[in-house]
Amino acid sequence: SDLAAYQNLFAEENGEVQILKTLPGQNKAQKTVNAALLLSFANQLLGRDTTTYKEIRRICSANACLDGSNFSKTLQAEKESFIIAGSGKSKTVKLTIPGRKRAAELAAELNAQ
């Protein structure tokens, strides 16, 4: 898969994407946005157009940056990068064209480290 090109950054285990690097960001909000960018990008490489809030929360939780009370607000503020659909716990994120470019640059940078 195209995910193999980013083997230093992503691993897939039982259909779930793992992020192998520490999430970049100065605070929980930045790390949450970067988690959403990277995970959405990885899912696109696997042929999945949308990424669930649940998946992003899992990554944030694993990276100790989950801010439950501000999670949704943080993602919704990134209108240039994400198209958010659905409601409540079943919300999904899809990358915009600028969002995909931003995610690709971040992924390339982290994969090279």
C-alpha atoms as a PDB file:
ATOM      1  CA  SER A   1       0.000   0.000   0.000  1.00  0.00           C
ATOM      2  CA  ASP A   2       0.969   3.669  -0.266  1.00  0.00           C
ATOM      3  CA  LEU A   3       1.244   3.641   3.510  1.00  0.00           C
ATOM      4  CA  ALA A   4       4.492   1.656   3.129  1.00  0.00           C
ATOM      5  CA  ALA A   5       6.187   4.817   1.829  1.00  0.00           C
ATOM      6  CA  TYR A   6       5.786   6.204   5.365  1.00  0.00           C
ATOM      7  CA  GLN A   7       7.016   3.192   7.319  1.00  0.00           C
ATOM      8  CA  ASN A   8       8.924   5.362   9.819  1.00  0.00           C
ATOM      9  CA  LEU A   9       5.701   7.177  10.708  1.00  0.00           C
ATOM     10  CA  PHE A  10       2.728   4.839  10.273  1.00  0.00           C
ATOM     11  CA  ALA A  11       2.003   1.221  11.054  1.00  0.00           C
ATOM     12  CA  GLU A  12      -1.238  -0.592  10.424  1.00  0.00           C
ATOM     13  CA  GLU A  13      -2.393  -3.152  12.930  1.00  0.00           C
ATOM     14  CA  ASN A  14      -5.707  -4.969  12.415  1.00  0.00           C
ATOM     15  CA  GLY A  15      -6.952  -2.174  10.174  1.00  0.00           C
ATOM     16  CA  GLU A  16      -6.078   0.509  12.727  1.00  0.00           C
ATOM     17  CA  VAL A  17      -3.405   3.060  11.922  1.00  0.00           C
ATOM     18  CA  GLN A  18      -0.759   3.672  14.563  1.00  0.00           C
ATOM     19  CA  ILE A  19       1.399   6.809  14.564  1.00  0.00           C
ATOM     20  CA  LEU A  20       4.943   5.826  15.504  1.00  0.00           C
ATOM     21  CA  LYS A  21       6.311   9.299  16.189  1.00  0.00           C
ATOM     22  CA  THR A  22       5.583  11.736  18.992  1.00  0.00           C
ATOM     23  CA  LEU A  23       2.898  14.135  17.822  1.00  0.00           C
ATOM     24  CA  PRO A  24       4.339  17.589  17.178  1.00  0.00           C
ATOM     25  CA  GLY A  25       2.748  20.627  18.800  1.00  0.00           C
ATOM     26  CA  GLN A  26       3.221  23.085  21.672  1.00  0.00           C
ATOM     27  CA  ASN A  27      -0.042  22.147  23.390  1.00  0.00           C
ATOM     28  CA  LYS A  28      -2.919  19.658  23.370  1.00  0.00           C
ATOM     29  CA  ALA A  29      -4.857  21.606  20.745  1.00  0.00           C
ATOM     30  CA  GLN A  30      -1.956  21.653  18.255  1.00  0.00           C
ATOM     31  CA  LYS A  31      -1.244  17.980  18.865  1.00  0.00           C
ATOM     32  CA  THR A  32      -4.925  17.137  18.356  1.00  0.00           C
ATOM     33  CA  VAL A  33      -4.960  18.952  15.012  1.00  0.00           C
ATOM     34  CA  ASN A  34      -1.753  17.195  13.948  1.00  0.00           C
ATOM     35  CA  ALA A  35      -3.194  13.829  14.997  1.00  0.00           C
ATOM     36  CA  ALA A  36      -6.263  14.504  12.855  1.00  0.00           C
ATOM     37  CA  LEU A  37      -4.138  15.615   9.893  1.00  0.00           C
ATOM     38  CA  LEU A  38      -1.833  12.598  10.064  1.00  0.00           C
ATOM     39  CA  LEU A  39      -4.539  10.033  10.662  1.00  0.00           C
ATOM     40  CA  SER A  40      -6.743  11.432   7.885  1.00  0.00           C
ATOM     41  CA  PHE A  41      -3.751  11.370   5.555  1.00  0.00           C
ATOM     42  CA  ALA A  42      -2.912   7.748   6.460  1.00  0.00           C
ATOM     43  CA  ASN A  43      -6.531   6.709   5.968  1.00  0.00           C
ATOM     44  CA  GLN A  44      -6.585   8.387   2.546  1.00  0.00           C
ATOM     45  CA  LEU A  45      -3.487   6.381   1.587  1.00  0.00           C
ATOM     46  CA  LEU A  46      -5.469   3.281   2.571  1.00  0.00           C
ATOM     47  CA  GLY A  47      -8.374   4.369   0.381  1.00  0.00           C
ATOM     48  CA  ARG A  48     -10.588   5.669   3.198  1.00  0.00           C
ATOM     49  CA  ASP A  49     -11.956   9.118   2.534  1.00  0.00           C
ATOM     50  CA  THR A  50     -13.134   9.902   6.030  1.00  0.00           C
ATOM     51  CA  THR A  51     -11.710   9.458   9.514  1.00  0.00           C
ATOM     52  CA  THR A  52     -13.890   9.139  12.592  1.00  0.00           C
ATOM     53  CA  TYR A  53     -13.626  11.303  15.689  1.00  0.00           C
ATOM     54  CA  LYS A  54     -13.304   8.011  17.565  1.00  0.00           C
ATOM     55  CA  GLU A  55     -10.100   7.130  15.674  1.00  0.00           C
ATOM     56  CA  ILE A  56      -8.606  10.580  16.260  1.00  0.00           C
ATOM     57  CA  ARG A  57      -9.499  10.419  19.962  1.00  0.00           C
ATOM     58  CA  ARG A  58      -7.725   7.053  20.175  1.00  0.00           C
ATOM     59  CA  ILE A  59      -4.516   8.571  18.764  1.00  0.00           C
ATOM     60  CA  CYS A  60      -4.788  11.597  21.061  1.00  0.00           C
ATOM     61  CA  SER A  61      -5.338   9.321  24.022  1.00  0.00           C
ATOM     62  CA  ALA A  62      -2.273   7.250  23.105  1.00  0.00           C
ATOM     63  CA  ASN A  63      -0.234  10.462  22.887  1.00  0.00           C
ATOM     64  CA  ALA A  64      -1.583  11.921  26.136  1.00  0.00           C
ATOM     65  CA  CYS A  65      -3.029  14.972  24.390  1.00  0.00           C
ATOM     66  CA  LEU A  66      -6.744  14.220  24.554  1.00  0.00           C
ATOM     67  CA  ASP A  67      -8.612  17.283  25.818  1.00  0.00           C
ATOM     68  CA  GLY A  68     -12.103  15.831  25.956  1.00  0.00           C
ATOM     69  CA  SER A  69     -13.978  19.052  26.624  1.00  0.00           C
ATOM     70  CA  ASN A  70     -12.330  20.997  23.770  1.00  0.00           C
ATOM     71  CA  PHE A  71     -11.711  18.150  21.301  1.00  0.00           C
ATOM     72  CA  SER A  72     -14.558  18.902  18.896  1.00  0.00           C
ATOM     73  CA  LYS A  73     -14.145  22.676  19.124  1.00  0.00           C
ATOM     74  CA  THR A  74     -10.427  22.372  18.351  1.00  0.00           C
ATOM     75  CA  LEU A  75     -11.074  20.389  15.156  1.00  0.00           C
ATOM     76  CA  GLN A  76     -13.993  22.560  14.058  1.00  0.00           C
ATOM     77  CA  ALA A  77     -11.814  25.667  14.289  1.00  0.00           C
ATOM     78  CA  GLU A  78      -9.573  24.266  11.518  1.00  0.00           C
ATOM     79  CA  LYS A  79     -12.020  25.053   8.727  1.00  0.00           C
ATOM     80  CA  GLU A  80      -9.295  25.364   6.116  1.00  0.00           C
ATOM     81  CA  SER A  81      -8.021  21.822   6.720  1.00  0.00           C
ATOM     82  CA  PHE A  82     -11.060  19.741   7.625  1.00  0.00           C
ATOM     83  CA  ILE A  83     -14.573  19.110   6.393  1.00  0.00           C
ATOM     84  CA  ILE A  84     -16.521  17.787   9.378  1.00  0.00           C
ATOM     85  CA  ALA A  85     -19.717  15.804   8.880  1.00  0.00           C
ATOM     86  CA  GLY A  86     -22.140  13.883  11.055  1.00  0.00           C
ATOM     87  CA  SER A  87     -23.122  14.585  14.637  1.00  0.00           C
ATOM     88  CA  GLY A  88     -22.089  13.709  18.154  1.00  0.00           C
ATOM     89  CA  LYS A  89     -19.847  10.713  18.549  1.00  0.00           C
ATOM     90  CA  SER A  90     -20.285   9.678  14.911  1.00  0.00           C
ATOM     91  CA  LYS A  91     -18.639  12.780  13.466  1.00  0.00           C
ATOM     92  CA  THR A  92     -16.112  12.307  10.701  1.00  0.00           C
ATOM     93  CA  VAL A  93     -13.277  14.389   9.325  1.00  0.00           C
ATOM     94  CA  LYS A  94     -12.253  14.678   5.697  1.00  0.00           C
ATOM     95  CA  LEU A  95      -9.240  16.621   4.466  1.00  0.00           C
ATOM     96  CA  THR A  96      -9.745  19.656   2.263  1.00  0.00           C
ATOM     97  CA  ILE A  97      -7.244  20.209  -0.570  1.00  0.00           C
ATOM     98  CA  PRO A  98      -5.173  22.615   1.600  1.00  0.00           C
ATOM     99  CA  GLY A  99      -5.576  20.197   4.506  1.00  0.00           C
ATOM    100  CA  ARG A 100      -4.191  17.337   2.451  1.00  0.00           C
ATOM    101  CA  LYS A 101      -1.208  19.453   1.419  1.00  0.00           C
ATOM    102  CA  ARG A 102      -0.563  20.413   5.053  1.00  0.00           C
ATOM    103  CA  ALA A 103      -0.898  16.776   6.160  1.00  0.00           C
ATOM    104  CA  ALA A 104       1.400  15.515   3.383  1.00  0.00           C
ATOM    105  CA  GLU A 105       4.098  18.021   4.343  1.00  0.00           C
ATOM    106  CA  LEU A 106       3.835  17.083   8.016  1.00  0.00           C
ATOM    107  CA  ALA A 107       3.933  13.352   7.223  1.00  0.00           C
ATOM    108  CA  ALA A 108       6.977  13.736   4.957  1.00  0.00           C
ATOM    109  CA  GLU A 109       8.800  15.749   7.616  1.00  0.00           C
ATOM    110  CA  LEU A 110       8.089  13.267  10.429  1.00  0.00           C
ATOM    111  CA  ASN A 111       8.813  10.220   8.252  1.00  0.00           C
ATOM    112  CA  ALA A 112      12.260  11.642   7.412  1.00  0.00           C
ATOM    113  CA  GLN A 113      13.240  12.094  11.084  1.00  0.00           C
END
